[in-house]
Protein backbone atom coordinates (compact mmCIF):
# COMPACT_ATOMS: atom_id res chain seq x y z
CA LEU A 1 102.60 87.21 49.29
CA ASN A 2 105.14 90.18 49.06
CA ARG A 3 107.26 91.19 46.02
CA LYS A 4 110.89 90.06 47.28
CA ARG A 5 112.25 87.90 44.89
CA THR A 6 113.08 84.28 46.68
CA PRO A 7 116.99 82.74 45.26
CA CYS A 8 115.35 81.08 42.54
CA GLY A 9 114.43 84.59 40.65
CA LYS A 10 110.82 84.21 41.38
CA ARG A 11 108.19 85.69 43.25
CA SER A 12 107.04 83.98 46.90
CA ILE A 13 103.98 84.25 48.40
CA THR A 14 105.43 84.23 51.86
CA CYS A 15 105.28 87.71 53.23
CA ALA A 16 109.22 88.04 54.24
CA GLN A 17 108.85 91.57 55.20
CA THR A 18 109.29 89.95 58.47
CA LYS A 19 111.60 87.68 60.47
CA ARG A 20 108.58 85.92 61.87
CA MET A 21 107.93 84.48 58.08
CA MET A 22 111.32 83.97 57.04
CA SER A 23 111.38 79.93 57.38
CA THR A 24 108.40 79.90 55.17
CA LEU A 25 110.50 80.99 52.26
CA PRO A 26 111.37 78.27 49.56
CA SER A 27 114.31 75.57 50.20
CA THR A 28 117.02 77.08 48.54
CA THR A 29 119.48 73.44 48.71
CA HIS A 30 119.43 70.87 46.23
CA GLY A 31 118.42 67.40 47.81
CA GLU A 32 116.39 69.09 50.79
CA PRO A 33 112.93 69.78 50.20
CA ILE A 34 110.04 71.19 52.38
CA ARG A 35 108.23 68.05 54.39
CA LEU A 36 104.85 69.51 55.88
CA ARG A 37 101.93 67.98 57.83
CA VAL A 38 98.12 69.51 56.93
CA THR A 39 95.48 68.30 58.72
CA GLU A 40 91.76 69.16 58.36
CA SER A 41 89.78 69.59 60.70
CA TYR A 42 85.91 70.60 61.13
CA ASN A 43 85.59 71.24 64.57
CA ASP A 44 83.75 73.94 64.27
CA TYR A 45 81.10 72.02 61.89
CA THR A 46 77.42 73.23 62.22
CA ASN A 47 74.56 71.48 61.28
CA VAL A 48 72.78 72.36 57.98
CA ASP A 49 69.43 72.29 59.36
CA ASP A 50 70.52 74.59 62.39
CA ASP A 51 71.56 77.21 60.28
CA ALA A 52 69.42 78.57 57.43
CA ASP A 53 72.75 80.67 56.08
CA PHE A 54 75.12 77.52 55.92
CA ALA A 55 72.74 76.14 53.67
CA ALA A 56 72.46 78.92 51.08
CA THR A 57 76.30 78.84 50.80
CA PHE A 58 77.68 78.08 47.24
CA ASP A 59 80.11 75.12 48.84
CA PRO A 60 78.27 74.72 52.53
CA TYR A 61 80.52 71.55 53.62
CA PHE A 62 83.54 74.14 53.89
CA SER A 63 82.58 76.86 55.91
CA TYR A 64 83.46 76.27 59.25
CA GLY A 65 86.50 73.92 58.80
CA GLN A 66 90.02 74.77 58.63
CA TYR A 67 93.73 73.38 57.61
CA ASN A 68 96.11 73.32 60.27
CA ILE A 69 99.90 73.17 58.66
CA THR A 70 102.96 71.73 60.86
CA SER A 71 106.19 70.55 59.58
CA ALA A 72 106.55 67.15 59.20
CA ASN A 73 107.46 66.44 62.62
CA GLY A 74 104.52 68.29 63.88
CA SER A 75 106.23 71.21 65.30
CA LYS A 76 104.91 74.43 64.43
CA TYR A 77 105.50 76.04 60.84
CA GLY A 78 105.04 79.79 59.98
CA ASN A 79 103.82 80.82 63.40
CA GLY A 80 100.42 78.30 63.10
CA LEU A 81 99.86 78.75 60.19
CA GLN A 82 96.35 77.77 59.27
CA ILE A 83 93.46 77.50 56.29
CA LYS A 84 90.22 78.58 57.47
CA MET A 85 87.29 78.48 55.59
CA SER A 86 84.11 80.80 55.84
CA THR A 87 81.39 80.95 53.29
CA ASP A 88 82.44 83.44 51.22
CA ALA A 89 86.61 82.39 50.98
CA MET A 90 89.46 80.72 52.31
CA THR A 91 92.12 82.22 54.35
CA LEU A 92 95.51 81.77 54.75
CA GLN A 93 96.67 83.13 57.99
CA GLU A 94 98.79 82.92 61.22
CA GLY A 95 97.29 81.29 64.24
CA ASP A 96 99.92 82.98 66.39
CA THR A 97 98.52 86.20 65.46
CA GLY A 98 95.68 85.96 63.18
CA LYS A 99 97.72 88.06 60.22
CA VAL A 100 96.17 86.87 56.98
CA VAL A 101 99.00 86.12 54.33
CA ALA A 102 96.70 84.85 51.25
CA LEU A 103 92.93 84.76 50.23
CA MET A 104 91.11 82.18 47.91
CA ARG A 105 88.16 82.87 46.31
CA SER A 106 85.98 80.76 44.23
CA ARG A 107 84.61 82.07 40.99
CA HIS A 108 81.69 80.37 40.83
CA THR A 109 81.90 78.73 37.71
CA SER A 110 80.81 75.40 36.31
CA THR A 111 84.03 74.05 35.49
CA PRO A 112 85.82 74.82 39.07
CA SER A 113 88.12 77.74 40.09
CA PHE A 114 89.51 79.76 41.99
CA ILE A 115 91.90 82.92 42.28
CA VAL A 116 94.75 83.28 45.18
CA TYR A 117 95.21 86.68 46.35
CA GLY A 118 98.08 88.61 48.14
CA ALA A 119 97.99 91.28 50.46
CA ALA A 120 101.14 93.25 47.76
CA PRO A 121 101.15 93.15 43.91
CA ARG A 122 102.63 90.77 41.76
CA TYR A 123 104.43 92.80 39.48
CA GLU A 124 105.07 96.43 39.45
CA ASP A 125 101.88 98.50 39.11
CA GLN A 126 99.34 95.69 39.27
CA ALA A 127 95.87 96.55 40.47
CA PRO A 128 94.25 95.24 43.02
CA SER A 129 91.06 93.08 43.39
CA ALA A 130 87.58 94.95 42.11
CA ILE A 131 86.06 92.94 44.78
CA ASP A 132 88.52 93.72 48.06
CA ALA A 133 90.98 96.75 46.94
CA GLN A 134 93.39 95.66 49.89
CA TRP A 135 94.33 92.20 47.74
CA TYR A 136 95.81 91.82 44.62
CA PRO A 137 95.25 88.31 41.87
CA TRP A 138 98.48 86.05 42.16
CA ALA A 139 97.16 82.96 40.47
CA LEU A 140 94.70 81.35 39.06
CA VAL A 141 93.59 77.90 39.83
CA LYS A 142 91.06 76.25 37.50
CA LYS A 143 90.11 72.29 36.44
CA ASN A 144 89.79 70.86 33.25
CA GLY A 145 86.12 69.36 34.01
CA ARG A 146 84.26 68.81 37.35
CA SER A 147 85.57 65.10 38.38
CA ILE A 148 87.77 64.52 40.89
CA ARG A 149 90.18 62.83 38.38
CA ASP A 150 90.75 65.91 36.25
CA ASP A 151 93.79 67.51 36.13
CA VAL A 152 94.11 71.08 37.70
CA MET A 153 96.29 74.01 36.17
CA VAL A 154 97.84 77.06 37.79
CA GLN A 155 98.77 80.28 36.20
CA TYR A 156 100.12 83.46 37.59
CA ALA A 157 98.86 86.93 36.89
CA THR A 158 100.80 88.99 34.81
CA ASN A 159 101.01 92.55 33.66
CA ASN A 160 100.02 91.82 30.15
CA GLY A 161 96.31 93.58 30.01
CA GLY A 162 95.10 91.58 33.21
CA ALA A 163 95.78 88.75 31.39
CA TRP A 164 96.94 85.28 32.89
CA GLY A 165 100.07 83.62 32.19
CA PRO A 166 100.60 80.25 30.89
CA VAL A 167 100.52 77.16 32.87
CA VAL A 168 103.22 77.02 35.21
CA TRP A 169 101.97 73.83 37.59
CA ARG A 170 99.67 71.11 36.53
CA SER A 171 98.42 68.34 39.10
CA ARG A 172 96.52 65.40 39.03
CA HIS A 173 95.43 62.47 41.34
CA GLY A 174 96.29 58.97 41.82
CA PHE A 175 94.23 56.27 42.82
CA LEU A 176 94.39 52.87 44.09
CA GLY A 177 91.00 51.53 42.75
CA ASN A 178 88.75 54.12 43.45
CA HIS A 179 90.53 55.40 46.39
CA GLN A 180 92.31 58.83 45.93
CA THR A 181 95.96 57.92 47.53
CA HIS A 182 98.26 60.65 46.15
CA THR A 183 98.35 63.85 44.42
CA VAL A 184 101.37 64.96 42.25
CA VAL A 185 102.35 68.60 41.42
CA ALA A 186 104.43 69.28 37.86
CA ARG A 187 105.92 72.43 36.82
CA VAL A 188 105.65 72.94 32.87
CA ASP A 189 108.20 73.81 30.88
CA GLU A 190 106.89 77.22 28.87
CA GLN A 191 108.57 76.06 25.51
CA THR A 192 108.14 72.38 25.74
CA GLN A 193 105.13 71.97 27.76
CA LYS A 194 106.85 69.16 29.54
CA GLU A 195 106.01 68.53 33.10
CA LYS A 196 108.63 68.25 35.91
CA PRO A 197 107.46 66.97 39.39
CA CYS A 198 107.72 69.79 42.16
CA CYS A 199 105.32 68.60 44.97
CA LEU A 200 104.08 65.54 46.16
CA VAL A 201 100.99 65.26 48.53
CA ILE A 202 99.97 61.63 50.38
CA ARG A 203 97.09 60.64 52.69
CA ASP A 204 97.45 59.51 55.43
CA PRO A 205 96.44 55.63 54.80
CA LEU A 206 95.53 55.70 58.51
CA ASN A 207 94.12 58.69 58.76
CA PHE A 208 92.21 60.52 55.81
CA ASP A 209 92.55 63.88 57.22
CA VAL A 210 95.71 64.28 57.18
CA PHE A 211 98.07 65.02 53.94
CA ASN A 212 102.11 64.99 53.90
CA VAL A 213 103.53 67.25 51.77
CA THR A 214 106.74 67.26 50.12
CA ILE A 215 107.64 70.29 48.53
CA ALA A 216 110.73 70.20 45.61
CA PRO A 217 113.63 73.40 46.41
CA GLY A 218 112.63 76.80 44.65
CA ILE A 219 108.77 76.20 45.02
CA ASP A 220 106.78 78.46 47.00
CA PRO A 221 105.66 76.44 50.04
CA LEU A 222 103.02 78.88 50.50
CA LEU A 223 101.28 78.70 47.48
CA ALA A 224 101.79 75.24 47.52
CA ILE A 225 99.73 75.07 50.51
CA CYS A 226 96.90 77.39 48.96
CA TYR A 227 97.00 75.28 45.65
CA LEU A 228 96.48 72.02 48.17
CA ALA A 229 93.35 73.80 50.10
CA VAL A 230 91.85 75.09 46.45
CA HIS A 231 92.26 71.61 45.13
CA SER A 232 90.35 69.61 47.66
CA LYS A 233 87.47 72.40 47.81
CA MET A 234 87.43 72.03 43.95
CA ASP A 235 86.78 68.21 44.34
CA VAL A 236 83.63 68.90 46.39
CA GLU A 237 81.88 71.87 44.67
CA PRO A 238 80.43 70.65 41.74
CA LYS A 239 78.86 67.92 43.92
CA LEU A 240 77.62 70.23 46.58
CA ASP A 241 76.47 72.85 44.29
CA ALA A 242 74.68 70.10 42.52
CA VAL A 243 72.66 69.46 46.19
CA PHE A 244 72.00 72.68 47.46
CA SER A 245 70.86 74.37 44.32
CA GLY A 246 68.62 71.05 43.64
């Protein structure tokens, strides 16, 4: 996350102060979206029975996994970007350097919601997080309910007394019968509330741990990646919370 304005006039989550991350800026060319491949990995999964702390977390299933992000052709993207899970947060970081670009924390609400944090303010004079002063709130991601079929909304942090702004993205999963096949993310016009698709996430039919992501020009790819991880996690939070608190 940074304070650099992108060519589309929006502030980008991308850490563009270094040339290494310039490749993760939004596309600026009409008709040339960014295409990524996101793969879930649970190589570090620990059995619940063997780890008391693991069983005590709010979202235990996600405490040890990660998402590996590459270009659609499998080449490295943004210094080997990864989203890593832990017991209290998810981090978007460079696999090559370990540098953390963004942080995502659950608000542990009955209806799942997350806050996406960046390492720099989103607007001038923004106060840092009360939880950790090195991070600044950037976006609120929340569901309309507790079901996997409920819509998810994204709102930006504003300088209006710390209030969240209007809904800027709205997303929903698509299904074939009971099987989730894809997710459509749409920009929401503040005035008309009309939606315009801006990101498409398709599960690989041969490998459900793989997502093919297409991101329209002008859309921040790193925020889209954070959204994808958060939405996936919110789909299972209510179910897991019920299991481990029951």
